[in-house]
C-alpha atoms as a PDB file:
ATOM      1  CA  MET A   1       0.000   0.000   0.000  1.00  0.00           C
ATOM      2  CA  ILE A   2       2.778   2.447   0.839  1.00  0.00           C
ATOM      3  CA  ASP A   3       4.186   2.096  -2.681  1.00  0.00           C
ATOM      4  CA  GLN A   4       0.808   3.143  -4.061  1.00  0.00           C
ATOM      5  CA  PHE A   5       0.991   6.345  -1.982  1.00  0.00           C
ATOM      6  CA  PHE A   6       4.472   7.146  -3.268  1.00  0.00           C
ATOM      7  CA  ASP A   7       3.313   6.523  -6.848  1.00  0.00           C
ATOM      8  CA  GLY A   8       0.333   8.780  -6.250  1.00  0.00           C
ATOM      9  CA  ASN A   9       2.638  11.447  -4.844  1.00  0.00           C
ATOM     10  CA  LYS A  10       4.657  11.389  -8.056  1.00  0.00           C
ATOM     11  CA  VAL A  11       1.462  11.972 -10.041  1.00  0.00           C
ATOM     12  CA  PHE A  12       0.515  14.825  -7.678  1.00  0.00           C
ATOM     13  CA  ILE A  13       3.931  16.477  -8.144  1.00  0.00           C
ATOM     14  CA  LYS A  14       3.763  16.162 -11.949  1.00  0.00           C
ATOM     15  CA  ASP A  15       0.086  17.025 -12.518  1.00  0.00           C
ATOM     16  CA  ASP A  16      -0.616  19.476  -9.704  1.00  0.00           C
ATOM     17  CA  PHE A  17       2.428  20.768  -7.835  1.00  0.00           C
ATOM     18  CA  GLU A  18       4.589  21.471 -10.893  1.00  0.00           C
ATOM     19  CA  GLN A  19       1.624  23.051 -12.707  1.00  0.00           C
ATOM     20  CA  ASP A  20       1.019  25.545  -9.890  1.00  0.00           C
ATOM     21  CA  ARG A  21       4.460  25.960  -8.347  1.00  0.00           C
ATOM     22  CA  LYS A  22       3.887  29.585  -7.232  1.00  0.00           C
ATOM     23  CA  ARG A  23       0.745  28.658  -5.277  1.00  0.00           C
ATOM     24  CA  TYR A  24       2.580  25.879  -3.457  1.00  0.00           C
ATOM     25  CA  ALA A  25       5.575  28.130  -2.800  1.00  0.00           C
ATOM     26  CA  ASP A  26       3.213  30.675  -1.219  1.00  0.00           C
ATOM     27  CA  LEU A  27       1.502  27.935   0.821  1.00  0.00           C
ATOM     28  CA  ALA A  28       4.894  26.762   2.093  1.00  0.00           C
ATOM     29  CA  LYS A  29       5.268  30.178   3.755  1.00  0.00           C
ATOM     30  CA  SER A  30       1.773  30.541   5.269  1.00  0.00           C
ATOM     31  CA  GLN A  31      -1.866  29.615   5.011  1.00  0.00           C
ATOM     32  CA  SER A  32      -4.949  31.804   4.933  1.00  0.00           C
ATOM     33  CA  PRO A  33      -7.994  29.592   4.375  1.00  0.00           C
ATOM     34  CA  LYS A  34     -11.349  31.346   4.439  1.00  0.00           C
ATOM     35  CA  THR A  35     -13.302  28.311   5.647  1.00  0.00           C
ATOM     36  CA  LEU A  36     -13.156  25.818   8.497  1.00  0.00           C
ATOM     37  CA  TRP A  37     -14.709  22.573   7.234  1.00  0.00           C
ATOM     38  CA  ILE A  38     -15.987  20.181   9.900  1.00  0.00           C
ATOM     39  CA  GLY A  39     -16.827  16.890   8.268  1.00  0.00           C
ATOM     40  CA  CYS A  40     -17.024  13.174   8.712  1.00  0.00           C
ATOM     41  CA  ALA A  41     -13.885  11.039   8.619  1.00  0.00           C
ATOM     42  CA  ASP A  42     -15.619   8.719   6.130  1.00  0.00           C
ATOM     43  CA  SER A  43     -13.134   7.846   3.377  1.00  0.00           C
ATOM     44  CA  ARG A  44     -15.733   8.533   0.674  1.00  0.00           C
ATOM     45  CA  ILE A  45     -16.093  12.238   1.501  1.00  0.00           C
ATOM     46  CA  ASP A  46     -12.977  14.244   0.692  1.00  0.00           C
ATOM     47  CA  PRO A  47     -13.898  17.916   1.255  1.00  0.00           C
ATOM     48  CA  GLU A  48     -11.403  19.321  -1.240  1.00  0.00           C
ATOM     49  CA  ARG A  49     -12.523  16.867  -3.911  1.00  0.00           C
ATOM     50  CA  ILE A  50     -16.295  17.289  -3.496  1.00  0.00           C
ATOM     51  CA  THR A  51     -16.029  21.102  -3.488  1.00  0.00           C
ATOM     52  CA  HIS A  52     -13.204  21.322  -6.024  1.00  0.00           C
ATOM     53  CA  ALA A  53     -11.291  23.462  -3.512  1.00  0.00           C
ATOM     54  CA  LYS A  54      -7.595  24.076  -4.029  1.00  0.00           C
ATOM     55  CA  ALA A  55      -4.862  23.431  -1.496  1.00  0.00           C
ATOM     56  CA  GLY A  56      -4.963  26.125   1.188  1.00  0.00           C
ATOM     57  CA  GLU A  57      -8.632  27.045   0.763  1.00  0.00           C
ATOM     58  CA  LEU A  58     -10.074  24.826   3.505  1.00  0.00           C
ATOM     59  CA  PHE A  59      -8.921  24.282   7.086  1.00  0.00           C
ATOM     60  CA  VAL A  60     -10.293  20.807   7.781  1.00  0.00           C
ATOM     61  CA  HIS A  61     -11.343  18.929  10.911  1.00  0.00           C
ATOM     62  CA  ARG A  62     -12.802  15.465  10.403  1.00  0.00           C
ATOM     63  CA  ASN A  63     -14.165  12.891  12.827  1.00  0.00           C
ATOM     64  CA  ILE A  64     -16.804  10.184  12.977  1.00  0.00           C
ATOM     65  CA  ALA A  65     -20.263  11.655  12.200  1.00  0.00           C
ATOM     66  CA  ASN A  66     -19.035  15.280  11.823  1.00  0.00           C
ATOM     67  CA  ILE A  67     -19.408  15.899  15.542  1.00  0.00           C
ATOM     68  CA  VAL A  68     -18.833  19.218  17.297  1.00  0.00           C
ATOM     69  CA  PRO A  69     -18.187  17.911  20.792  1.00  0.00           C
ATOM     70  CA  LEU A  70     -18.966  20.157  23.726  1.00  0.00           C
ATOM     71  CA  HIS A  71     -15.894  19.239  25.776  1.00  0.00           C
ATOM     72  CA  ASP A  72     -12.993  18.153  23.579  1.00  0.00           C
ATOM     73  CA  TRP A  73      -9.590  19.828  23.585  1.00  0.00           C
ATOM     74  CA  ASN A  74      -8.673  18.575  20.139  1.00  0.00           C
ATOM     75  CA  PHE A  75     -11.739  20.144  18.556  1.00  0.00           C
ATOM     76  CA  ALA A  76     -11.564  23.291  20.685  1.00  0.00           C
ATOM     77  CA  SER A  77      -7.938  23.898  19.676  1.00  0.00           C
ATOM     78  CA  VAL A  78      -8.796  23.501  15.967  1.00  0.00           C
ATOM     79  CA  LEU A  79     -11.696  25.914  16.382  1.00  0.00           C
ATOM     80  CA  GLU A  80      -9.650  28.453  18.305  1.00  0.00           C
ATOM     81  CA  TYR A  81      -6.798  28.341  15.801  1.00  0.00           C
ATOM     82  CA  ALA A  82      -9.157  28.675  12.837  1.00  0.00           C
ATOM     83  CA  VAL A  83     -11.143  31.606  14.257  1.00  0.00           C
ATOM     84  CA  ALA A  84      -8.568  33.513  16.333  1.00  0.00           C
ATOM     85  CA  HIS A  85      -5.432  33.001  14.262  1.00  0.00           C
ATOM     86  CA  LEU A  86      -6.421  32.096  10.716  1.00  0.00           C
ATOM     87  CA  LYS A  87      -9.436  34.428  10.855  1.00  0.00           C
ATOM     88  CA  VAL A  88     -11.667  32.100   8.845  1.00  0.00           C
ATOM     89  CA  GLU A  89     -14.822  33.786   7.600  1.00  0.00           C
ATOM     90  CA  ASN A  90     -16.971  30.671   7.310  1.00  0.00           C
ATOM     91  CA  ILE A  91     -17.534  27.457   9.198  1.00  0.00           C
ATOM     92  CA  ILE A  92     -19.191  24.556   7.422  1.00  0.00           C
ATOM     93  CA  ILE A  93     -20.480  21.427   9.108  1.00  0.00           C
ATOM     94  CA  CYS A  94     -21.038  18.762   6.484  1.00  0.00           C
ATOM     95  CA  GLY A  95     -22.931  15.529   7.043  1.00  0.00           C
ATOM     96  CA  HIS A  96     -23.553  12.850   4.440  1.00  0.00           C
ATOM     97  CA  SER A  97     -25.765   9.974   3.361  1.00  0.00           C
ATOM     98  CA  GLU A  98     -25.124   6.447   4.615  1.00  0.00           C
ATOM     99  CA  CYS A  99     -23.140   7.721   7.624  1.00  0.00           C
ATOM    100  CA  GLY A 100     -21.881   4.753   9.625  1.00  0.00           C
ATOM    101  CA  GLY A 101     -21.597   6.859  12.763  1.00  0.00           C
ATOM    102  CA  ILE A 102     -25.263   7.815  12.605  1.00  0.00           C
ATOM    103  CA  LYS A 103     -26.265   4.217  11.787  1.00  0.00           C
ATOM    104  CA  ALA A 104     -24.393   3.142  14.924  1.00  0.00           C
ATOM    105  CA  LEU A 105     -26.853   5.125  17.072  1.00  0.00           C
ATOM    106  CA  ASP A 106     -29.284   2.219  16.575  1.00  0.00           C
ATOM    107  CA  LYS A 107     -26.788  -0.538  17.439  1.00  0.00           C
ATOM    108  CA  GLU A 108     -25.669  -2.165  20.650  1.00  0.00           C
ATOM    109  CA  MET A 109     -21.884  -1.931  20.448  1.00  0.00           C
ATOM    110  CA  GLN A 110     -19.095  -3.570  22.399  1.00  0.00           C
ATOM    111  CA  ASP A 111     -16.570  -0.918  21.330  1.00  0.00           C
ATOM    112  CA  SER A 112     -15.005   1.191  24.043  1.00  0.00           C
ATOM    113  CA  TYR A 113     -14.910   4.623  22.409  1.00  0.00           C
ATOM    114  CA  ILE A 114     -17.291   4.789  19.439  1.00  0.00           C
ATOM    115  CA  PRO A 115     -20.516   4.640  21.511  1.00  0.00           C
ATOM    116  CA  LEU A 116     -19.244   7.438  23.751  1.00  0.00           C
ATOM    117  CA  TRP A 117     -18.342   9.572  20.738  1.00  0.00           C
ATOM    118  CA  ILE A 118     -21.558   9.123  18.762  1.00  0.00           C
ATOM    119  CA  ASN A 119     -23.585   9.864  21.860  1.00  0.00           C
ATOM    120  CA  ASN A 120     -22.823  13.488  20.852  1.00  0.00           C
ATOM    121  CA  ALA A 121     -25.385  12.905  18.057  1.00  0.00           C
ATOM    122  CA  ARG A 122     -28.019  11.126  20.171  1.00  0.00           C
ATOM    123  CA  GLU A 123     -30.248  14.218  20.454  1.00  0.00           C
ATOM    124  CA  ALA A 124     -30.601  14.286  16.640  1.00  0.00           C
ATOM    125  CA  GLN A 125     -31.963  10.739  16.717  1.00  0.00           C
ATOM    126  CA  ILE A 126     -34.338  11.606  19.577  1.00  0.00           C
ATOM    127  CA  ARG A 127     -35.686  14.645  17.693  1.00  0.00           C
ATOM    128  CA  VAL A 128     -36.319  12.717  14.478  1.00  0.00           C
ATOM    129  CA  ASP A 129     -37.903   9.745  16.252  1.00  0.00           C
ATOM    130  CA  ALA A 130     -40.248  12.150  18.056  1.00  0.00           C
ATOM    131  CA  ARG A 131     -41.623  13.474  14.763  1.00  0.00           C
ATOM    132  CA  LEU A 132     -41.586  10.326  12.584  1.00  0.00           C
ATOM    133  CA  SER A 133     -43.500   7.080  12.981  1.00  0.00           C
ATOM    134  CA  PRO A 134     -41.322   3.978  13.295  1.00  0.00           C
ATOM    135  CA  PRO A 135     -40.270   2.822   9.817  1.00  0.00           C
ATOM    136  CA  LYS A 136     -42.370   0.041   8.308  1.00  0.00           C
ATOM    137  CA  ASN A 137     -40.167  -0.797   5.326  1.00  0.00           C
ATOM    138  CA  PRO A 138     -36.619  -0.289   4.014  1.00  0.00           C
ATOM    139  CA  GLU A 139     -37.568   2.921   2.191  1.00  0.00           C
ATOM    140  CA  GLU A 140     -38.934   4.486   5.388  1.00  0.00           C
ATOM    141  CA  ALA A 141     -35.852   3.277   7.312  1.00  0.00           C
ATOM    142  CA  LYS A 142     -33.600   4.990   4.752  1.00  0.00           C
ATOM    143  CA  GLN A 143     -35.660   8.192   4.999  1.00  0.00           C
ATOM    144  CA  ARG A 144     -35.348   8.081   8.801  1.00  0.00           C
ATOM    145  CA  LEU A 145     -31.572   7.703   8.536  1.00  0.00           C
ATOM    146  CA  THR A 146     -31.368  10.659   6.130  1.00  0.00           C
ATOM    147  CA  GLU A 147     -33.461  12.788   8.498  1.00  0.00           C
ATOM    148  CA  ILE A 148     -31.212  11.899  11.455  1.00  0.00           C
ATOM    149  CA  GLU A 149     -28.079  12.679   9.420  1.00  0.00           C
ATOM    150  CA  LYS A 150     -29.496  16.099   8.495  1.00  0.00           C
ATOM    151  CA  GLU A 151     -30.757  16.787  12.010  1.00  0.00           C
ATOM    152  CA  ASN A 152     -27.290  15.924  13.277  1.00  0.00           C
ATOM    153  CA  VAL A 153     -25.859  18.761  11.163  1.00  0.00           C
ATOM    154  CA  ARG A 154     -28.338  21.156  12.808  1.00  0.00           C
ATOM    155  CA  LEU A 155     -27.476  19.773  16.259  1.00  0.00           C
ATOM    156  CA  GLN A 156     -23.749  20.182  15.690  1.00  0.00           C
ATOM    157  CA  ILE A 157     -24.321  23.805  14.635  1.00  0.00           C
ATOM    158  CA  GLU A 158     -26.095  24.284  17.983  1.00  0.00           C
ATOM    159  CA  HIS A 159     -23.078  22.742  19.736  1.00  0.00           C
ATOM    160  CA  LEU A 160     -20.745  25.035  17.777  1.00  0.00           C
ATOM    161  CA  ARG A 161     -22.646  28.092  18.949  1.00  0.00           C
ATOM    162  CA  THR A 162     -22.005  27.173  22.603  1.00  0.00           C
ATOM    163  CA  TYR A 163     -18.320  28.048  22.185  1.00  0.00           C
ATOM    164  CA  PRO A 164     -17.652  31.621  23.410  1.00  0.00           C
ATOM    165  CA  ILE A 165     -15.264  32.331  20.513  1.00  0.00           C
ATOM    166  CA  ILE A 166     -18.068  31.557  18.048  1.00  0.00           C
ATOM    167  CA  LYS A 167     -20.660  33.599  19.917  1.00  0.00           C
ATOM    168  CA  LYS A 168     -18.302  36.587  19.868  1.00  0.00           C
ATOM    169  CA  ALA A 169     -17.425  36.147  16.167  1.00  0.00           C
ATOM    170  CA  GLU A 170     -21.116  35.881  15.221  1.00  0.00           C
ATOM    171  CA  ASP A 171     -22.062  38.886  17.363  1.00  0.00           C
ATOM    172  CA  GLU A 172     -19.348  40.882  15.581  1.00  0.00           C
ATOM    173  CA  LYS A 173     -20.553  39.523  12.214  1.00  0.00           C
ATOM    174  CA  LYS A 174     -17.101  38.119  11.474  1.00  0.00           C
ATOM    175  CA  ILE A 175     -18.202  34.586  10.675  1.00  0.00           C
ATOM    176  CA  GLY A 176     -20.890  32.723   8.770  1.00  0.00           C
ATOM    177  CA  ILE A 177     -21.995  29.243   9.813  1.00  0.00           C
ATOM    178  CA  TYR A 178     -23.448  26.810   7.278  1.00  0.00           C
ATOM    179  CA  GLY A 179     -24.753  23.263   7.312  1.00  0.00           C
ATOM    180  CA  LEU A 180     -24.259  21.049   4.273  1.00  0.00           C
ATOM    181  CA  TYR A 181     -25.286  17.513   3.385  1.00  0.00           C
ATOM    182  CA  PHE A 182     -23.476  15.386   0.796  1.00  0.00           C
ATOM    183  CA  TYR A 183     -25.306  12.670  -1.146  1.00  0.00           C
ATOM    184  CA  LEU A 184     -22.995   9.735  -1.881  1.00  0.00           C
ATOM    185  CA  GLU A 185     -25.507   8.491  -4.467  1.00  0.00           C
ATOM    186  CA  ASP A 186     -25.123  11.424  -6.876  1.00  0.00           C
ATOM    187  CA  GLY A 187     -22.290  13.572  -5.501  1.00  0.00           C
ATOM    188  CA  LYS A 188     -24.488  16.606  -4.799  1.00  0.00           C
ATOM    189  CA  LEU A 189     -24.236  18.991  -1.863  1.00  0.00           C
ATOM    190  CA  GLU A 190     -27.348  20.479  -0.268  1.00  0.00           C
ATOM    191  CA  GLU A 191     -27.588  23.295   2.257  1.00  0.00           C
ATOM    192  CA  ILE A 192     -29.247  22.351   5.543  1.00  0.00           C
ATOM    193  CA  LYS A 193     -31.375  25.026   7.183  1.00  0.00           C
END
């Protein structure tokens, strides 16, 4: 596998790096992304690829189920660096279809850490189950999953707004916060309100 990565790096250097040498020289000195992207760690959702963003345009934090945890130093340090030091103008939380983390909300798991982590999305499941009847067929089960995935984006935006640095940036109109949803089936992004 490692050889495949080195071969891919050679293609990157030839087809991308060498074609835009000035951009990469500038990026070697500093970064100034305009957007913090908070997305799922799922290998099928590469934020730069699905948005056609160039290197240096997105500051990215990924984890299982695109969670904005309320008490996590790793996340808080990414957020603080993005807002206070990089001065990002936008924060995007992007969920997606067929999210394994959201599916895991319905499973009894023996894992040590995953159940604790995805519990940060439990309220999204509770909200959706309160407004939908239990699914009677696979189509309704898929619709329920989609609704929980989308509600999770809304919930994580609520979590984001509990951070004092975000409250201050929003009050000063220095930051925009957006929810997105990516459909694996057709590659489309949708804004979540």
